[in-house]
């Protein structure tokens, strides 16, 4: 969603989608620890949400309000900051499911 001055653009989630399948295996090449523009974007979204809660949310204690926060992750490339990646031992994760055919 594109957000400016607290207003989102919701029409993008309402557009018709074709349900054709394509081979997206090339996107799975970059799996592992790392940062990229999607991670940076999510960090900015998080920071703005925290700032809003501290300022606007705290100021509006006497009336109802809602905050919608949406992140890009998980999304290709399947990377994440190393501290989060290191939280999971690959040996203890369930095996990958593979489609037959």
PDB file of N, CA and C in Angstrom:
ATOM      1  N   UNK A   1       0.851  -1.165   0.000  1.00  0.00           N
ATOM      2  CA  UNK A   1       0.000   0.000   0.000  1.00  0.00           C
ATOM      3  C   UNK A   1       0.894   1.225   0.000  1.00  0.00           C
ATOM      4  N   UNK A   2       0.513   2.168  -0.745  1.00  0.00           N
ATOM      5  CA  UNK A   2       1.246   3.430  -0.777  1.00  0.00           C
ATOM      6  C   UNK A   2       0.588   4.364   0.227  1.00  0.00           C
ATOM      7  N   UNK A   3       1.378   4.868   1.145  1.00  0.00           N
ATOM      8  CA  UNK A   3       0.823   5.687   2.216  1.00  0.00           C
ATOM      9  C   UNK A   3       1.459   7.064   2.187  1.00  0.00           C
ATOM     10  N   UNK A   4       0.613   8.059   2.323  1.00  0.00           N
ATOM     11  CA  UNK A   4       1.090   9.441   2.395  1.00  0.00           C
ATOM     12  C   UNK A   4       0.174  10.201   3.336  1.00  0.00           C
ATOM     13  N   UNK A   5       0.734  10.871   4.279  1.00  0.00           N
ATOM     14  CA  UNK A   5      -0.044  11.664   5.240  1.00  0.00           C
ATOM     15  C   UNK A   5      -1.119  10.839   5.942  1.00  0.00           C
ATOM     16  N   UNK A   6      -0.809   9.579   6.223  1.00  0.00           N
ATOM     17  CA  UNK A   6      -1.742   8.744   6.960  1.00  0.00           C
ATOM     18  C   UNK A   6      -2.870   8.153   6.143  1.00  0.00           C
ATOM     19  N   UNK A   7      -2.859   8.349   4.814  1.00  0.00           N
ATOM     20  CA  UNK A   7      -3.912   7.790   3.984  1.00  0.00           C
ATOM     21  C   UNK A   7      -3.324   6.743   3.063  1.00  0.00           C
ATOM     22  N   UNK A   8      -3.951   5.561   3.015  1.00  0.00           N
ATOM     23  CA  UNK A   8      -3.457   4.473   2.182  1.00  0.00           C
ATOM     24  C   UNK A   8      -4.195   4.379   0.868  1.00  0.00           C
ATOM     25  N   UNK A   9      -3.632   3.622  -0.045  1.00  0.00           N
ATOM     26  CA  UNK A   9      -4.238   3.370  -1.347  1.00  0.00           C
ATOM     27  C   UNK A   9      -4.658   1.912  -1.377  1.00  0.00           C
ATOM     28  N   UNK A  10      -5.920   1.651  -1.076  1.00  0.00           N
ATOM     29  CA  UNK A  10      -6.409   0.285  -0.948  1.00  0.00           C
ATOM     30  C   UNK A  10      -6.819  -0.371  -2.242  1.00  0.00           C
ATOM     31  N   UNK A  11      -6.913   0.368  -3.340  1.00  0.00           N
ATOM     32  CA  UNK A  11      -7.403  -0.221  -4.578  1.00  0.00           C
ATOM     33  C   UNK A  11      -6.459  -1.289  -5.134  1.00  0.00           C
ATOM     34  N   UNK A  12      -5.191  -1.215  -4.809  1.00  0.00           N
ATOM     35  CA  UNK A  12      -4.235  -2.202  -5.303  1.00  0.00           C
ATOM     36  C   UNK A  12      -4.540  -3.607  -4.819  1.00  0.00           C
ATOM     37  N   UNK A  13      -5.140  -3.726  -3.646  1.00  0.00           N
ATOM     38  CA  UNK A  13      -5.454  -5.061  -3.145  1.00  0.00           C
ATOM     39  C   UNK A  13      -6.786  -5.560  -3.689  1.00  0.00           C
ATOM     40  N   UNK A  14      -7.510  -4.710  -4.395  1.00  0.00           N
ATOM     41  CA  UNK A  14      -8.817  -5.093  -4.918  1.00  0.00           C
ATOM     42  C   UNK A  14      -8.787  -5.412  -6.407  1.00  0.00           C
ATOM     43  N   UNK A  15      -7.669  -5.199  -7.061  1.00  0.00           N
ATOM     44  CA  UNK A  15      -7.616  -5.428  -8.501  1.00  0.00           C
ATOM     45  C   UNK A  15      -7.759  -6.918  -8.803  1.00  0.00           C
ATOM     46  N   UNK A  16      -8.310  -7.245  -9.962  1.00  0.00           N
ATOM     47  CA  UNK A  16      -8.447  -8.654 -10.313  1.00  0.00           C
ATOM     48  C   UNK A  16      -7.074  -9.277 -10.546  1.00  0.00           C
ATOM     49  N   UNK A  17      -6.937 -10.508 -10.135  1.00  0.00           N
ATOM     50  CA  UNK A  17      -5.684 -11.230 -10.305  1.00  0.00           C
ATOM     51  C   UNK A  17      -5.923 -12.414 -11.219  1.00  0.00           C
ATOM     52  N   UNK A  18      -5.014 -12.621 -12.152  1.00  0.00           N
ATOM     53  CA  UNK A  18      -5.124 -13.870 -12.895  1.00  0.00           C
ATOM     54  C   UNK A  18      -4.446 -14.938 -12.044  1.00  0.00           C
ATOM     55  N   UNK A  19      -4.912 -16.115 -12.143  1.00  0.00           N
ATOM     56  CA  UNK A  19      -4.410 -17.197 -11.295  1.00  0.00           C
ATOM     57  C   UNK A  19      -3.549 -18.155 -12.091  1.00  0.00           C
ATOM     58  N   UNK A  20      -2.832 -17.629 -13.066  1.00  0.00           N
ATOM     59  CA  UNK A  20      -1.925 -18.473 -13.823  1.00  0.00           C
ATOM     60  C   UNK A  20      -0.686 -18.716 -12.983  1.00  0.00           C
ATOM     61  N   UNK A  21      -0.119 -19.867 -13.114  1.00  0.00           N
ATOM     62  CA  UNK A  21       1.081 -20.223 -12.359  1.00  0.00           C
ATOM     63  C   UNK A  21       2.297 -20.040 -13.249  1.00  0.00           C
ATOM     64  N   UNK A  22       3.374 -19.661 -12.675  1.00  0.00           N
ATOM     65  CA  UNK A  22       4.626 -19.556 -13.406  1.00  0.00           C
ATOM     66  C   UNK A  22       5.731 -20.076 -12.513  1.00  0.00           C
ATOM     67  N   UNK A  23       6.834 -20.409 -13.120  1.00  0.00           N
ATOM     68  CA  UNK A  23       7.966 -20.946 -12.377  1.00  0.00           C
ATOM     69  C   UNK A  23       8.686 -19.803 -11.681  1.00  0.00           C
ATOM     70  N   UNK A  24       8.577 -19.755 -10.367  1.00  0.00           N
ATOM     71  CA  UNK A  24       9.228 -18.676  -9.615  1.00  0.00           C
ATOM     72  C   UNK A  24      10.433 -19.185  -8.839  1.00  0.00           C
ATOM     73  N   UNK A  25      10.985 -20.326  -9.251  1.00  0.00           N
ATOM     74  CA  UNK A  25      12.098 -20.912  -8.505  1.00  0.00           C
ATOM     75  C   UNK A  25      13.337 -20.021  -8.504  1.00  0.00           C
ATOM     76  N   UNK A  26      13.481 -19.163  -9.519  1.00  0.00           N
ATOM     77  CA  UNK A  26      14.658 -18.286  -9.547  1.00  0.00           C
ATOM     78  C   UNK A  26      14.657 -17.322  -8.363  1.00  0.00           C
ATOM     79  N   UNK A  27      13.471 -17.049  -7.812  1.00  0.00           N
ATOM     80  CA  UNK A  27      13.401 -16.145  -6.668  1.00  0.00           C
ATOM     81  C   UNK A  27      13.949 -16.784  -5.392  1.00  0.00           C
ATOM     82  N   UNK A  28      14.032 -18.085  -5.372  1.00  0.00           N
ATOM     83  CA  UNK A  28      14.494 -18.793  -4.182  1.00  0.00           C
ATOM     84  C   UNK A  28      16.008 -18.925  -4.136  1.00  0.00           C
ATOM     85  N   UNK A  29      16.711 -18.292  -5.062  1.00  0.00           N
ATOM     86  CA  UNK A  29      18.177 -18.369  -5.084  1.00  0.00           C
ATOM     87  C   UNK A  29      18.804 -17.604  -3.920  1.00  0.00           C
ATOM     88  N   UNK A  30      18.175 -16.538  -3.492  1.00  0.00           N
ATOM     89  CA  UNK A  30      18.740 -15.681  -2.445  1.00  0.00           C
ATOM     90  C   UNK A  30      18.040 -15.932  -1.117  1.00  0.00           C
ATOM     91  N   UNK A  31      18.317 -17.079  -0.528  1.00  0.00           N
ATOM     92  CA  UNK A  31      17.747 -17.411   0.775  1.00  0.00           C
ATOM     93  C   UNK A  31      18.869 -17.362   1.802  1.00  0.00           C
ATOM     94  N   UNK A  32      18.619 -16.683   2.913  1.00  0.00           N
ATOM     95  CA  UNK A  32      19.621 -16.645   3.959  1.00  0.00           C
ATOM     96  C   UNK A  32      19.662 -15.295   4.641  1.00  0.00           C
ATOM     97  N   UNK A  33      20.699 -15.093   5.451  1.00  0.00           N
ATOM     98  CA  UNK A  33      20.800 -13.818   6.162  1.00  0.00           C
ATOM     99  C   UNK A  33      21.207 -12.700   5.225  1.00  0.00           C
ATOM    100  N   UNK A  34      20.705 -11.514   5.491  1.00  0.00           N
ATOM    101  CA  UNK A  34      21.081 -10.355   4.703  1.00  0.00           C
ATOM    102  C   UNK A  34      20.031  -9.272   4.789  1.00  0.00           C
ATOM    103  N   UNK A  35      20.360  -8.125   4.289  1.00  0.00           N
ATOM    104  CA  UNK A  35      19.448  -6.984   4.250  1.00  0.00           C
ATOM    105  C   UNK A  35      19.265  -6.568   2.800  1.00  0.00           C
ATOM    106  N   UNK A  36      18.147  -5.960   2.523  1.00  0.00           N
ATOM    107  CA  UNK A  36      17.889  -5.412   1.197  1.00  0.00           C
ATOM    108  C   UNK A  36      16.861  -4.304   1.324  1.00  0.00           C
ATOM    109  N   UNK A  37      16.407  -3.777   0.203  1.00  0.00           N
ATOM    110  CA  UNK A  37      15.501  -2.628   0.244  1.00  0.00           C
ATOM    111  C   UNK A  37      14.163  -2.972   0.879  1.00  0.00           C
ATOM    112  N   UNK A  38      13.695  -4.226   0.772  1.00  0.00           N
ATOM    113  CA  UNK A  38      12.444  -4.606   1.426  1.00  0.00           C
ATOM    114  C   UNK A  38      12.594  -4.556   2.948  1.00  0.00           C
ATOM    115  N   UNK A  39      13.719  -5.037   3.446  1.00  0.00           N
ATOM    116  CA  UNK A  39      13.966  -4.977   4.890  1.00  0.00           C
ATOM    117  C   UNK A  39      14.041  -3.531   5.346  1.00  0.00           C
ATOM    118  N   UNK A  40      14.744  -2.704   4.596  1.00  0.00           N
ATOM    119  CA  UNK A  40      14.858  -1.291   4.950  1.00  0.00           C
ATOM    120  C   UNK A  40      13.482  -0.618   4.960  1.00  0.00           C
ATOM    121  N   UNK A  41      12.642  -0.965   3.978  1.00  0.00           N
ATOM    122  CA  UNK A  41      11.295  -0.402   3.916  1.00  0.00           C
ATOM    123  C   UNK A  41      10.495  -0.808   5.155  1.00  0.00           C
ATOM    124  N   UNK A  42      10.541  -2.093   5.514  1.00  0.00           N
ATOM    125  CA  UNK A  42       9.798  -2.562   6.683  1.00  0.00           C
ATOM    126  C   UNK A  42      10.276  -1.911   7.966  1.00  0.00           C
ATOM    127  N   UNK A  43      11.567  -1.680   8.085  1.00  0.00           N
ATOM    128  CA  UNK A  43      12.099  -0.999   9.264  1.00  0.00           C
ATOM    129  C   UNK A  43      11.535   0.422   9.343  1.00  0.00           C
ATOM    130  N   UNK A  44      11.443   1.109   8.203  1.00  0.00           N
ATOM    131  CA  UNK A  44      10.873   2.465   8.196  1.00  0.00           C
ATOM    132  C   UNK A  44       9.387   2.427   8.568  1.00  0.00           C
ATOM    133  N   UNK A  45       8.656   1.445   8.049  1.00  0.00           N
ATOM    134  CA  UNK A  45       7.237   1.303   8.394  1.00  0.00           C
ATOM    135  C   UNK A  45       7.098   1.075   9.900  1.00  0.00           C
ATOM    136  N   UNK A  46       7.921   0.171  10.439  1.00  0.00           N
ATOM    137  CA  UNK A  46       7.899  -0.078  11.882  1.00  0.00           C
ATOM    138  C   UNK A  46       8.178   1.187  12.676  1.00  0.00           C
ATOM    139  N   UNK A  47       9.210   1.925  12.281  1.00  0.00           N
ATOM    140  CA  UNK A  47       9.576   3.139  12.999  1.00  0.00           C
ATOM    141  C   UNK A  47       8.460   4.177  12.959  1.00  0.00           C
ATOM    142  N   UNK A  48       7.817   4.332  11.795  1.00  0.00           N
ATOM    143  CA  UNK A  48       6.702   5.275  11.693  1.00  0.00           C
ATOM    144  C   UNK A  48       5.534   4.838  12.573  1.00  0.00           C
ATOM    145  N   UNK A  49       5.261   3.533  12.618  1.00  0.00           N
ATOM    146  CA  UNK A  49       4.168   3.035  13.457  1.00  0.00           C
ATOM    147  C   UNK A  49       4.460   3.287  14.934  1.00  0.00           C
ATOM    148  N   UNK A  50       5.681   3.021  15.353  1.00  0.00           N
ATOM    149  CA  UNK A  50       6.055   3.251  16.750  1.00  0.00           C
ATOM    150  C   UNK A  50       5.951   4.736  17.093  1.00  0.00           C
ATOM    151  N   UNK A  51       6.428   5.594  16.182  1.00  0.00           N
ATOM    152  CA  UNK A  51       6.324   7.038  16.417  1.00  0.00           C
ATOM    153  C   UNK A  51       4.862   7.472  16.518  1.00  0.00           C
ATOM    154  N   UNK A  52       4.016   6.928  15.626  1.00  0.00           N
ATOM    155  CA  UNK A  52       2.603   7.297  15.648  1.00  0.00           C
ATOM    156  C   UNK A  52       1.965   6.866  16.971  1.00  0.00           C
ATOM    157  N   UNK A  53       2.272   5.651  17.405  1.00  0.00           N
ATOM    158  CA  UNK A  53       1.719   5.179  18.677  1.00  0.00           C
ATOM    159  C   UNK A  53       2.139   6.073  19.833  1.00  0.00           C
ATOM    160  N   UNK A  54       3.396   6.485  19.827  1.00  0.00           N
ATOM    161  CA  UNK A  54       3.907   7.314  20.922  1.00  0.00           C
ATOM    162  C   UNK A  54       3.285   8.708  20.913  1.00  0.00           C
ATOM    163  N   UNK A  55       3.021   9.244  19.715  1.00  0.00           N
ATOM    164  CA  UNK A  55       2.514  10.613  19.636  1.00  0.00           C
ATOM    165  C   UNK A  55       0.995  10.649  19.488  1.00  0.00           C
ATOM    166  N   UNK A  56       0.503  10.217  18.351  1.00  0.00           N
ATOM    167  CA  UNK A  56      -0.929  10.306  18.063  1.00  0.00           C
ATOM    168  C   UNK A  56      -1.751   9.355  18.927  1.00  0.00           C
ATOM    169  N   UNK A  57      -1.297   8.127  19.052  1.00  0.00           N
ATOM    170  CA  UNK A  57      -2.037   7.155  19.846  1.00  0.00           C
ATOM    171  C   UNK A  57      -2.143   7.564  21.299  1.00  0.00           C
ATOM    172  N   UNK A  58      -1.048   8.058  21.839  1.00  0.00           N
ATOM    173  CA  UNK A  58      -1.058   8.502  23.234  1.00  0.00           C
ATOM    174  C   UNK A  58      -1.950   9.726  23.416  1.00  0.00           C
ATOM    175  N   UNK A  59      -2.003  10.583  22.405  1.00  0.00           N
ATOM    176  CA  UNK A  59      -2.813  11.801  22.504  1.00  0.00           C
ATOM    177  C   UNK A  59      -4.304  11.511  22.360  1.00  0.00           C
ATOM    178  N   UNK A  60      -4.648  10.370  21.803  1.00  0.00           N
ATOM    179  CA  UNK A  60      -6.063  10.043  21.532  1.00  0.00           C
ATOM    180  C   UNK A  60      -6.606   9.010  22.512  1.00  0.00           C
ATOM    181  N   UNK A  61      -6.189   9.065  23.746  1.00  0.00           N
ATOM    182  CA  UNK A  61      -6.620   8.077  24.744  1.00  0.00           C
ATOM    183  C   UNK A  61      -8.115   8.130  25.043  1.00  0.00           C
ATOM    184  N   UNK A  62      -8.739   9.262  24.823  1.00  0.00           N
ATOM    185  CA  UNK A  62     -10.140   9.422  25.206  1.00  0.00           C
ATOM    186  C   UNK A  62     -11.115   9.081  24.080  1.00  0.00           C
ATOM    187  N   UNK A  63     -10.624   8.635  22.916  1.00  0.00           N
ATOM    188  CA  UNK A  63     -11.526   8.273  21.830  1.00  0.00           C
ATOM    189  C   UNK A  63     -10.960   7.059  21.078  1.00  0.00           C
ATOM    190  N   UNK A  64     -11.835   6.290  20.460  1.00  0.00           N
ATOM    191  CA  UNK A  64     -11.363   5.100  19.739  1.00  0.00           C
ATOM    192  C   UNK A  64     -10.489   5.481  18.541  1.00  0.00           C
ATOM    193  N   UNK A  65      -9.537   4.614  18.231  1.00  0.00           N
ATOM    194  CA  UNK A  65      -8.699   4.810  17.061  1.00  0.00           C
ATOM    195  C   UNK A  65      -8.173   3.456  16.621  1.00  0.00           C
ATOM    196  N   UNK A  66      -7.661   3.410  15.423  1.00  0.00           N
ATOM    197  CA  UNK A  66      -7.076   2.178  14.895  1.00  0.00           C
ATOM    198  C   UNK A  66      -5.830   2.528  14.100  1.00  0.00           C
ATOM    199  N   UNK A  67      -4.893   1.637  14.111  1.00  0.00           N
ATOM    200  CA  UNK A  67      -3.673   1.791  13.322  1.00  0.00           C
ATOM    201  C   UNK A  67      -3.490   0.526  12.514  1.00  0.00           C
ATOM    202  N   UNK A  68      -3.369   0.656  11.210  1.00  0.00           N
ATOM    203  CA  UNK A  68      -3.111  -0.473  10.325  1.00  0.00           C
ATOM    204  C   UNK A  68      -1.663  -0.391   9.873  1.00  0.00           C
ATOM    205  N   UNK A  69      -0.903  -1.454  10.102  1.00  0.00           N
ATOM    206  CA  UNK A  69       0.497  -1.512   9.704  1.00  0.00           C
ATOM    207  C   UNK A  69       0.681  -2.741   8.832  1.00  0.00           C
ATOM    208  N   UNK A  70       1.304  -2.565   7.683  1.00  0.00           N
ATOM    209  CA  UNK A  70       1.500  -3.670   6.752  1.00  0.00           C
ATOM    210  C   UNK A  70       2.959  -3.726   6.326  1.00  0.00           C
ATOM    211  N   UNK A  71       3.521  -4.912   6.386  1.00  0.00           N
ATOM    212  CA  UNK A  71       4.924  -5.105   6.022  1.00  0.00           C
ATOM    213  C   UNK A  71       5.043  -5.860   4.703  1.00  0.00           C
ATOM    214  N   UNK A  72       6.146  -5.665   4.015  1.00  0.00           N
ATOM    215  CA  UNK A  72       6.400  -6.381   2.768  1.00  0.00           C
ATOM    216  C   UNK A  72       6.859  -7.812   3.012  1.00  0.00           C
ATOM    217  N   UNK A  73       7.535  -8.046   4.091  1.00  0.00           N
ATOM    218  CA  UNK A  73       8.069  -9.386   4.371  1.00  0.00           C
ATOM    219  C   UNK A  73       7.017 -10.288   4.964  1.00  0.00           C
ATOM    220  N   UNK A  74       7.044 -11.590   4.746  1.00  0.00           N
ATOM    221  CA  UNK A  74       8.022 -12.305   3.931  1.00  0.00           C
ATOM    222  C   UNK A  74       7.736 -12.120   2.451  1.00  0.00           C
ATOM    223  N   UNK A  75       8.763 -11.920   1.676  1.00  0.00           N
ATOM    224  CA  UNK A  75       8.649 -11.664   0.246  1.00  0.00           C
ATOM    225  C   UNK A  75      10.011 -11.952  -0.365  1.00  0.00           C
ATOM    226  N   UNK A  76      10.012 -12.371  -1.607  1.00  0.00           N
ATOM    227  CA  UNK A  76      11.289 -12.607  -2.279  1.00  0.00           C
ATOM    228  C   UNK A  76      12.061 -11.306  -2.402  1.00  0.00           C
ATOM    229  N   UNK A  77      13.374 -11.322  -2.284  1.00  0.00           N
ATOM    230  CA  UNK A  77      14.221 -12.460  -1.966  1.00  0.00           C
ATOM    231  C   UNK A  77      14.037 -12.863  -0.509  1.00  0.00           C
ATOM    232  N   UNK A  78      14.181 -14.129  -0.224  1.00  0.00           N
ATOM    233  CA  UNK A  78      13.906 -14.655   1.114  1.00  0.00           C
ATOM    234  C   UNK A  78      15.132 -14.485   2.014  1.00  0.00           C
ATOM    235  N   UNK A  79      15.408 -13.239   2.320  1.00  0.00           N
ATOM    236  CA  UNK A  79      16.507 -12.914   3.225  1.00  0.00           C
ATOM    237  C   UNK A  79      15.916 -12.240   4.460  1.00  0.00           C
ATOM    238  N   UNK A  80      16.667 -12.259   5.522  1.00  0.00           N
ATOM    239  CA  UNK A  80      16.263 -11.556   6.730  1.00  0.00           C
ATOM    240  C   UNK A  80      17.519 -11.155   7.486  1.00  0.00           C
ATOM    241  N   UNK A  81      17.410 -10.174   8.364  1.00  0.00           N
ATOM    242  CA  UNK A  81      18.582  -9.772   9.146  1.00  0.00           C
ATOM    243  C   UNK A  81      19.168 -10.961   9.911  1.00  0.00           C
ATOM    244  N   UNK A  82      20.474 -11.041   9.965  1.00  0.00           N
ATOM    245  CA  UNK A  82      21.175 -12.177  10.554  1.00  0.00           C
ATOM    246  C   UNK A  82      20.704 -12.537  11.968  1.00  0.00           C
ATOM    247  N   UNK A  83      20.459 -11.579  12.853  1.00  0.00           N
ATOM    248  CA  UNK A  83      20.005 -11.974  14.200  1.00  0.00           C
ATOM    249  C   UNK A  83      18.712 -12.799  14.167  1.00  0.00           C
ATOM    250  N   UNK A  84      17.812 -12.498  13.245  1.00  0.00           N
ATOM    251  CA  UNK A  84      16.571 -13.269  13.136  1.00  0.00           C
ATOM    252  C   UNK A  84      16.820 -14.614  12.472  1.00  0.00           C
ATOM    253  N   UNK A  85      17.670 -14.630  11.465  1.00  0.00           N
ATOM    254  CA  UNK A  85      18.001 -15.876  10.773  1.00  0.00           C
ATOM    255  C   UNK A  85      18.650 -16.858  11.742  1.00  0.00           C
ATOM    256  N   UNK A  86      19.517 -16.352  12.593  1.00  0.00           N
ATOM    257  CA  UNK A  86      20.246 -17.205  13.540  1.00  0.00           C
ATOM    258  C   UNK A  86      19.370 -17.754  14.666  1.00  0.00           C
ATOM    259  N   UNK A  87      18.136 -17.286  14.777  1.00  0.00           N
ATOM    260  CA  UNK A  87      17.236 -17.783  15.824  1.00  0.00           C
ATOM    261  C   UNK A  87      16.778 -19.216  15.558  1.00  0.00           C
ATOM    262  N   UNK A  88      16.958 -19.704  14.321  1.00  0.00           N
ATOM    263  CA  UNK A  88      16.432 -21.011  13.929  1.00  0.00           C
ATOM    264  C   UNK A  88      17.563 -21.922  13.479  1.00  0.00           C
ATOM    265  N   UNK A  89      17.648 -23.072  14.100  1.00  0.00           N
ATOM    266  CA  UNK A  89      18.631 -24.082  13.735  1.00  0.00           C
ATOM    267  C   UNK A  89      18.085 -24.876  12.550  1.00  0.00           C
ATOM    268  N   UNK A  90      18.744 -24.831  11.392  1.00  0.00           N
ATOM    269  CA  UNK A  90      18.234 -25.560  10.231  1.00  0.00           C
ATOM    270  C   UNK A  90      18.019 -27.047  10.484  1.00  0.00           C
ATOM    271  N   UNK A  91      18.799 -27.617  11.374  1.00  0.00           N
ATOM    272  CA  UNK A  91      18.659 -29.047  11.684  1.00  0.00           C
ATOM    273  C   UNK A  91      17.361 -29.356  12.426  1.00  0.00           C
ATOM    274  N   UNK A  92      16.784 -28.356  13.056  1.00  0.00           N
ATOM    275  CA  UNK A  92      15.556 -28.579  13.838  1.00  0.00           C
ATOM    276  C   UNK A  92      14.293 -28.165  13.087  1.00  0.00           C
ATOM    277  N   UNK A  93      14.453 -27.597  11.894  1.00  0.00           N
ATOM    278  CA  UNK A  93      13.293 -27.180  11.110  1.00  0.00           C
ATOM    279  C   UNK A  93      12.693 -28.378  10.384  1.00  0.00           C
ATOM    280  N   UNK A  94      11.393 -28.346  10.134  1.00  0.00           N
ATOM    281  CA  UNK A  94      10.785 -29.458   9.394  1.00  0.00           C
ATOM    282  C   UNK A  94      11.333 -29.495   7.965  1.00  0.00           C
ATOM    283  N   UNK A  95      11.320 -30.673   7.352  1.00  0.00           N
ATOM    284  CA  UNK A  95      11.834 -30.766   5.982  1.00  0.00           C
ATOM    285  C   UNK A  95      10.964 -29.963   5.019  1.00  0.00           C
ATOM    286  N   UNK A  96      11.568 -29.512   3.917  1.00  0.00           N
ATOM    287  CA  UNK A  96      10.830 -28.770   2.894  1.00  0.00           C
ATOM    288  C   UNK A  96       9.846 -29.691   2.194  1.00  0.00           C
ATOM    289  N   UNK A  97       8.722 -29.135   1.859  1.00  0.00           N
ATOM    290  CA  UNK A  97       7.759 -29.877   1.065  1.00  0.00           C
ATOM    291  C   UNK A  97       8.100 -29.672  -0.404  1.00  0.00           C
ATOM    292  N   UNK A  98       8.055 -30.730  -1.144  1.00  0.00           N
ATOM    293  CA  UNK A  98       8.330 -30.635  -2.578  1.00  0.00           C
ATOM    294  C   UNK A  98       7.128 -31.131  -3.341  1.00  0.00           C
ATOM    295  N   UNK A  99       6.792 -30.373  -4.375  1.00  0.00           N
ATOM    296  CA  UNK A  99       5.677 -30.798  -5.229  1.00  0.00           C
ATOM    297  C   UNK A  99       6.188 -31.867  -6.187  1.00  0.00           C
ATOM    298  N   UNK A 100       5.383 -32.851  -6.394  1.00  0.00           N
ATOM    299  CA  UNK A 100       5.752 -33.870  -7.361  1.00  0.00           C
ATOM    300  C   UNK A 100       5.263 -33.455  -8.739  1.00  0.00           C
ATOM    301  N   UNK A 101       5.913 -33.983  -9.762  1.00  0.00           N
ATOM    302  CA  UNK A 101       5.453 -33.731 -11.117  1.00  0.00           C
ATOM    303  C   UNK A 101       6.282 -32.763 -11.770  1.00  0.00           C
TER     304      UNK A 101
END
